[in-house]
Amino acid sequence: MTDKNRNFYATKFDDMADIVEAMNTIVKGMNDETAYFENWIDLVPDEASREDFEEIAKDKE
């Protein structure tokens, strides 16, 4: 889902975990270290599991 500014958000926990997992797939597929080096790698660990995505989804920030 997106808000009026086209920012993604989720109203359900599972939806947010799915969004983070999909974003991770996109970032990894870019094959460009500058895309994930500074921020993404601090959020999502290498070879993240479903449990990792669920933990990230629990964080309100």
PDB file of N, CA and C in Angstrom:
ATOM      1  N   MET A   1       0.834  -1.174   0.000  1.00  0.00           N
ATOM      2  CA  MET A   1       0.000   0.000   0.000  1.00  0.00           C
ATOM      3  C   MET A   1       0.885   1.245   0.000  1.00  0.00           C
ATOM      4  N   THR A   2       0.405   2.319  -0.547  1.00  0.00           N
ATOM      5  CA  THR A   2       1.146   3.576  -0.538  1.00  0.00           C
ATOM      6  C   THR A   2       0.259   4.681  -0.001  1.00  0.00           C
ATOM      7  N   ASP A   3       0.891   5.697   0.576  1.00  0.00           N
ATOM      8  CA  ASP A   3       0.144   6.859   1.043  1.00  0.00           C
ATOM      9  C   ASP A   3       0.066   7.889  -0.078  1.00  0.00           C
ATOM     10  N   LYS A   4      -0.447   9.074   0.231  1.00  0.00           N
ATOM     11  CA  LYS A   4      -0.638  10.092  -0.811  1.00  0.00           C
ATOM     12  C   LYS A   4       0.677  10.562  -1.419  1.00  0.00           C
ATOM     13  N   ASN A   5       1.803  10.364  -0.712  1.00  0.00           N
ATOM     14  CA  ASN A   5       3.122  10.726  -1.229  1.00  0.00           C
ATOM     15  C   ASN A   5       3.816   9.553  -1.918  1.00  0.00           C
ATOM     16  N   ARG A   6       3.093   8.462  -2.099  1.00  0.00           N
ATOM     17  CA  ARG A   6       3.600   7.255  -2.754  1.00  0.00           C
ATOM     18  C   ARG A   6       4.656   6.531  -1.922  1.00  0.00           C
ATOM     19  N   ASN A   7       4.621   6.715  -0.595  1.00  0.00           N
ATOM     20  CA  ASN A   7       5.505   5.982   0.309  1.00  0.00           C
ATOM     21  C   ASN A   7       4.823   4.673   0.695  1.00  0.00           C
ATOM     22  N   PHE A   8       5.580   3.593   0.712  1.00  0.00           N
ATOM     23  CA  PHE A   8       5.013   2.309   1.100  1.00  0.00           C
ATOM     24  C   PHE A   8       4.743   2.267   2.592  1.00  0.00           C
ATOM     25  N   TYR A   9       3.650   1.642   2.949  1.00  0.00           N
ATOM     26  CA  TYR A   9       3.371   1.373   4.350  1.00  0.00           C
ATOM     27  C   TYR A   9       2.514   0.121   4.426  1.00  0.00           C
ATOM     28  N   ALA A  10       2.457  -0.457   5.568  1.00  0.00           N
ATOM     29  CA  ALA A  10       1.661  -1.667   5.740  1.00  0.00           C
ATOM     30  C   ALA A  10       0.847  -1.548   7.012  1.00  0.00           C
ATOM     31  N   THR A  11      -0.354  -2.055   6.956  1.00  0.00           N
ATOM     32  CA  THR A  11      -1.209  -2.038   8.141  1.00  0.00           C
ATOM     33  C   THR A  11      -1.115  -3.343   8.919  1.00  0.00           C
ATOM     34  N   LYS A  12      -0.528  -4.355   8.313  1.00  0.00           N
ATOM     35  CA  LYS A  12      -0.384  -5.653   8.964  1.00  0.00           C
ATOM     36  C   LYS A  12       1.091  -6.014   9.064  1.00  0.00           C
ATOM     37  N   PHE A  13       1.433  -6.663  10.145  1.00  0.00           N
ATOM     38  CA  PHE A  13       2.810  -7.077  10.408  1.00  0.00           C
ATOM     39  C   PHE A  13       3.366  -7.934   9.271  1.00  0.00           C
ATOM     40  N   ASP A  14       2.602  -8.936   8.833  1.00  0.00           N
ATOM     41  CA  ASP A  14       3.087  -9.826   7.765  1.00  0.00           C
ATOM     42  C   ASP A  14       3.317  -9.080   6.467  1.00  0.00           C
ATOM     43  N   ASP A  15       2.470  -8.088   6.191  1.00  0.00           N
ATOM     44  CA  ASP A  15       2.654  -7.292   4.973  1.00  0.00           C
ATOM     45  C   ASP A  15       3.970  -6.527   5.025  1.00  0.00           C
ATOM     46  N   MET A  16       4.304  -5.969   6.172  1.00  0.00           N
ATOM     47  CA  MET A  16       5.552  -5.214   6.299  1.00  0.00           C
ATOM     48  C   MET A  16       6.753  -6.146   6.140  1.00  0.00           C
ATOM     49  N   ALA A  17       6.696  -7.320   6.717  1.00  0.00           N
ATOM     50  CA  ALA A  17       7.783  -8.283   6.557  1.00  0.00           C
ATOM     51  C   ALA A  17       7.938  -8.659   5.085  1.00  0.00           C
ATOM     52  N   ASP A  18       6.823  -8.826   4.379  1.00  0.00           N
ATOM     53  CA  ASP A  18       6.872  -9.134   2.946  1.00  0.00           C
ATOM     54  C   ASP A  18       7.491  -7.990   2.158  1.00  0.00           C
ATOM     55  N   ILE A  19       7.158  -6.751   2.500  1.00  0.00           N
ATOM     56  CA  ILE A  19       7.706  -5.583   1.807  1.00  0.00           C
ATOM     57  C   ILE A  19       9.218  -5.509   2.005  1.00  0.00           C
ATOM     58  N   VAL A  20       9.679  -5.695   3.235  1.00  0.00           N
ATOM     59  CA  VAL A  20      11.119  -5.639   3.511  1.00  0.00           C
ATOM     60  C   VAL A  20      11.842  -6.762   2.769  1.00  0.00           C
ATOM     61  N   GLU A  21      11.251  -7.944   2.744  1.00  0.00           N
ATOM     62  CA  GLU A  21      11.867  -9.060   2.037  1.00  0.00           C
ATOM     63  C   GLU A  21      11.942  -8.774   0.529  1.00  0.00           C
ATOM     64  N   ALA A  22      10.888  -8.215  -0.037  1.00  0.00           N
ATOM     65  CA  ALA A  22      10.887  -7.875  -1.463  1.00  0.00           C
ATOM     66  C   ALA A  22      11.911  -6.784  -1.769  1.00  0.00           C
ATOM     67  N   MET A  23      12.001  -5.786  -0.889  1.00  0.00           N
ATOM     68  CA  MET A  23      12.999  -4.726  -1.080  1.00  0.00           C
ATOM     69  C   MET A  23      14.401  -5.310  -1.047  1.00  0.00           C
ATOM     70  N   ASN A  24      14.634  -6.260  -0.154  1.00  0.00           N
ATOM     71  CA  ASN A  24      15.941  -6.889  -0.059  1.00  0.00           C
ATOM     72  C   ASN A  24      16.284  -7.629  -1.356  1.00  0.00           C
ATOM     73  N   THR A  25      15.310  -8.289  -1.936  1.00  0.00           N
ATOM     74  CA  THR A  25      15.522  -8.986  -3.210  1.00  0.00           C
ATOM     75  C   THR A  25      15.935  -7.997  -4.297  1.00  0.00           C
ATOM     76  N   ILE A  26      15.271  -6.857  -4.331  1.00  0.00           N
ATOM     77  CA  ILE A  26      15.587  -5.835  -5.334  1.00  0.00           C
ATOM     78  C   ILE A  26      16.993  -5.287  -5.118  1.00  0.00           C
ATOM     79  N   VAL A  27      17.336  -4.946  -3.879  1.00  0.00           N
ATOM     80  CA  VAL A  27      18.656  -4.376  -3.586  1.00  0.00           C
ATOM     81  C   VAL A  27      19.754  -5.379  -3.928  1.00  0.00           C
ATOM     82  N   LYS A  28      19.567  -6.634  -3.548  1.00  0.00           N
ATOM     83  CA  LYS A  28      20.568  -7.654  -3.874  1.00  0.00           C
ATOM     84  C   LYS A  28      20.693  -7.849  -5.380  1.00  0.00           C
ATOM     85  N   GLY A  29      19.597  -7.758  -6.096  1.00  0.00           N
ATOM     86  CA  GLY A  29      19.607  -7.950  -7.540  1.00  0.00           C
ATOM     87  C   GLY A  29      20.271  -6.817  -8.297  1.00  0.00           C
ATOM     88  N   MET A  30      20.429  -5.673  -7.655  1.00  0.00           N
ATOM     89  CA  MET A  30      21.056  -4.537  -8.317  1.00  0.00           C
ATOM     90  C   MET A  30      22.538  -4.792  -8.579  1.00  0.00           C
ATOM     91  N   ASN A  31      23.140  -5.662  -7.788  1.00  0.00           N
ATOM     92  CA  ASN A  31      24.558  -5.992  -7.933  1.00  0.00           C
ATOM     93  C   ASN A  31      25.422  -4.728  -7.944  1.00  0.00           C
ATOM     94  N   ASP A  32      25.139  -3.854  -7.006  1.00  0.00           N
ATOM     95  CA  ASP A  32      25.853  -2.580  -6.892  1.00  0.00           C
ATOM     96  C   ASP A  32      26.062  -2.297  -5.412  1.00  0.00           C
ATOM     97  N   GLU A  33      27.280  -2.456  -4.943  1.00  0.00           N
ATOM     98  CA  GLU A  33      27.558  -2.280  -3.522  1.00  0.00           C
ATOM     99  C   GLU A  33      27.177  -0.904  -2.997  1.00  0.00           C
ATOM    100  N   THR A  34      27.252   0.109  -3.829  1.00  0.00           N
ATOM    101  CA  THR A  34      26.895   1.452  -3.359  1.00  0.00           C
ATOM    102  C   THR A  34      25.403   1.555  -3.055  1.00  0.00           C
ATOM    103  N   ALA A  35      24.600   0.659  -3.602  1.00  0.00           N
ATOM    104  CA  ALA A  35      23.154   0.687  -3.345  1.00  0.00           C
ATOM    105  C   ALA A  35      22.825   0.231  -1.926  1.00  0.00           C
ATOM    106  N   TYR A  36      23.642  -0.639  -1.369  1.00  0.00           N
ATOM    107  CA  TYR A  36      23.316  -1.161  -0.044  1.00  0.00           C
ATOM    108  C   TYR A  36      24.409  -0.967   0.999  1.00  0.00           C
ATOM    109  N   PHE A  37      25.537  -0.436   0.630  1.00  0.00           N
ATOM    110  CA  PHE A  37      26.682  -0.393   1.542  1.00  0.00           C
ATOM    111  C   PHE A  37      26.420   0.417   2.810  1.00  0.00           C
ATOM    112  N   GLU A  38      25.913   1.623   2.714  1.00  0.00           N
ATOM    113  CA  GLU A  38      25.833   2.479   3.893  1.00  0.00           C
ATOM    114  C   GLU A  38      24.590   2.260   4.746  1.00  0.00           C
ATOM    115  N   ASN A  39      23.435   2.096   4.162  1.00  0.00           N
ATOM    116  CA  ASN A  39      22.214   2.027   4.961  1.00  0.00           C
ATOM    117  C   ASN A  39      21.569   0.648   4.991  1.00  0.00           C
ATOM    118  N   TRP A  40      21.439   0.045   3.845  1.00  0.00           N
ATOM    119  CA  TRP A  40      20.694  -1.217   3.790  1.00  0.00           C
ATOM    120  C   TRP A  40      21.371  -2.309   4.595  1.00  0.00           C
ATOM    121  N   ILE A  41      22.677  -2.385   4.502  1.00  0.00           N
ATOM    122  CA  ILE A  41      23.399  -3.445   5.200  1.00  0.00           C
ATOM    123  C   ILE A  41      23.313  -3.283   6.727  1.00  0.00           C
ATOM    124  N   ASP A  42      23.052  -2.061   7.193  1.00  0.00           N
ATOM    125  CA  ASP A  42      22.853  -1.843   8.632  1.00  0.00           C
ATOM    126  C   ASP A  42      21.481  -2.338   9.083  1.00  0.00           C
ATOM    127  N   LEU A  43      20.550  -2.422   8.154  1.00  0.00           N
ATOM    128  CA  LEU A  43      19.186  -2.840   8.471  1.00  0.00           C
ATOM    129  C   LEU A  43      18.977  -4.334   8.279  1.00  0.00           C
ATOM    130  N   VAL A  44      19.432  -4.848   7.158  1.00  0.00           N
ATOM    131  CA  VAL A  44      19.195  -6.245   6.792  1.00  0.00           C
ATOM    132  C   VAL A  44      20.523  -6.994   6.762  1.00  0.00           C
ATOM    133  N   PRO A  45      20.648  -8.070   7.551  1.00  0.00           N
ATOM    134  CA  PRO A  45      21.906  -8.835   7.538  1.00  0.00           C
ATOM    135  C   PRO A  45      22.052  -9.637   6.248  1.00  0.00           C
ATOM    136  N   ASP A  46      23.288 -10.007   5.929  1.00  0.00           N
ATOM    137  CA  ASP A  46      23.529 -10.883   4.779  1.00  0.00           C
ATOM    138  C   ASP A  46      22.782 -12.192   4.975  1.00  0.00           C
ATOM    139  N   GLU A  47      22.256 -12.707   3.886  1.00  0.00           N
ATOM    140  CA  GLU A  47      21.528 -13.983   3.904  1.00  0.00           C
ATOM    141  C   GLU A  47      20.441 -13.993   4.986  1.00  0.00           C
ATOM    142  N   ALA A  48      19.647 -12.940   5.023  1.00  0.00           N
ATOM    143  CA  ALA A  48      18.586 -12.805   6.024  1.00  0.00           C
ATOM    144  C   ALA A  48      17.548 -13.916   5.886  1.00  0.00           C
ATOM    145  N   SER A  49      17.050 -14.359   7.014  1.00  0.00           N
ATOM    146  CA  SER A  49      16.003 -15.382   7.045  1.00  0.00           C
ATOM    147  C   SER A  49      14.643 -14.699   7.214  1.00  0.00           C
ATOM    148  N   ARG A  50      13.589 -15.474   7.104  1.00  0.00           N
ATOM    149  CA  ARG A  50      12.240 -14.926   7.308  1.00  0.00           C
ATOM    150  C   ARG A  50      12.132 -14.326   8.711  1.00  0.00           C
ATOM    151  N   GLU A  51      12.753 -14.954   9.685  1.00  0.00           N
ATOM    152  CA  GLU A  51      12.726 -14.445  11.051  1.00  0.00           C
ATOM    153  C   GLU A  51      13.397 -13.070  11.139  1.00  0.00           C
ATOM    154  N   ASP A  52      14.470 -12.873  10.377  1.00  0.00           N
ATOM    155  CA  ASP A  52      15.133 -11.564  10.343  1.00  0.00           C
ATOM    156  C   ASP A  52      14.184 -10.498   9.804  1.00  0.00           C
ATOM    157  N   PHE A  53      13.474 -10.816   8.722  1.00  0.00           N
ATOM    158  CA  PHE A  53      12.539  -9.852   8.149  1.00  0.00           C
ATOM    159  C   PHE A  53      11.394  -9.542   9.111  1.00  0.00           C
ATOM    160  N   GLU A  54      10.967 -10.539   9.864  1.00  0.00           N
ATOM    161  CA  GLU A  54       9.906 -10.317  10.848  1.00  0.00           C
ATOM    162  C   GLU A  54      10.396  -9.423  11.984  1.00  0.00           C
ATOM    163  N   GLU A  55      11.639  -9.621  12.423  1.00  0.00           N
ATOM    164  CA  GLU A  55      12.214  -8.751  13.459  1.00  0.00           C
ATOM    165  C   GLU A  55      12.289  -7.307  12.977  1.00  0.00           C
ATOM    166  N   ILE A  56      12.718  -7.118  11.752  1.00  0.00           N
ATOM    167  CA  ILE A  56      12.816  -5.774  11.171  1.00  0.00           C
ATOM    168  C   ILE A  56      11.428  -5.152  11.092  1.00  0.00           C
ATOM    169  N   ALA A  57      10.431  -5.942  10.719  1.00  0.00           N
ATOM    170  CA  ALA A  57       9.059  -5.448  10.586  1.00  0.00           C
ATOM    171  C   ALA A  57       8.490  -4.986  11.915  1.00  0.00           C
ATOM    172  N   LYS A  58       8.961  -5.552  13.013  1.00  0.00           N
ATOM    173  CA  LYS A  58       8.474  -5.163  14.344  1.00  0.00           C
ATOM    174  C   LYS A  58       8.939  -3.779  14.742  1.00  0.00           C
ATOM    175  N   ASP A  59      10.060  -3.329  14.176  1.00  0.00           N
ATOM    176  CA  ASP A  59      10.634  -2.030  14.508  1.00  0.00           C
ATOM    177  C   ASP A  59       9.806  -0.932  13.855  1.00  0.00           C
ATOM    178  N   LYS A  60       9.240  -0.040  14.640  1.00  0.00           N
ATOM    179  CA  LYS A  60       8.373   1.022  14.133  1.00  0.00           C
ATOM    180  C   LYS A  60       9.114   2.016  13.251  1.00  0.00           C
ATOM    181  N   GLU A  61      10.414   2.173  13.442  1.00  0.00           N
ATOM    182  CA  GLU A  61      11.179   3.118  12.633  1.00  0.00           C
ATOM    183  C   GLU A  61      11.582   2.493  11.333  1.00  0.00           C
TER     184      GLU A  61
END
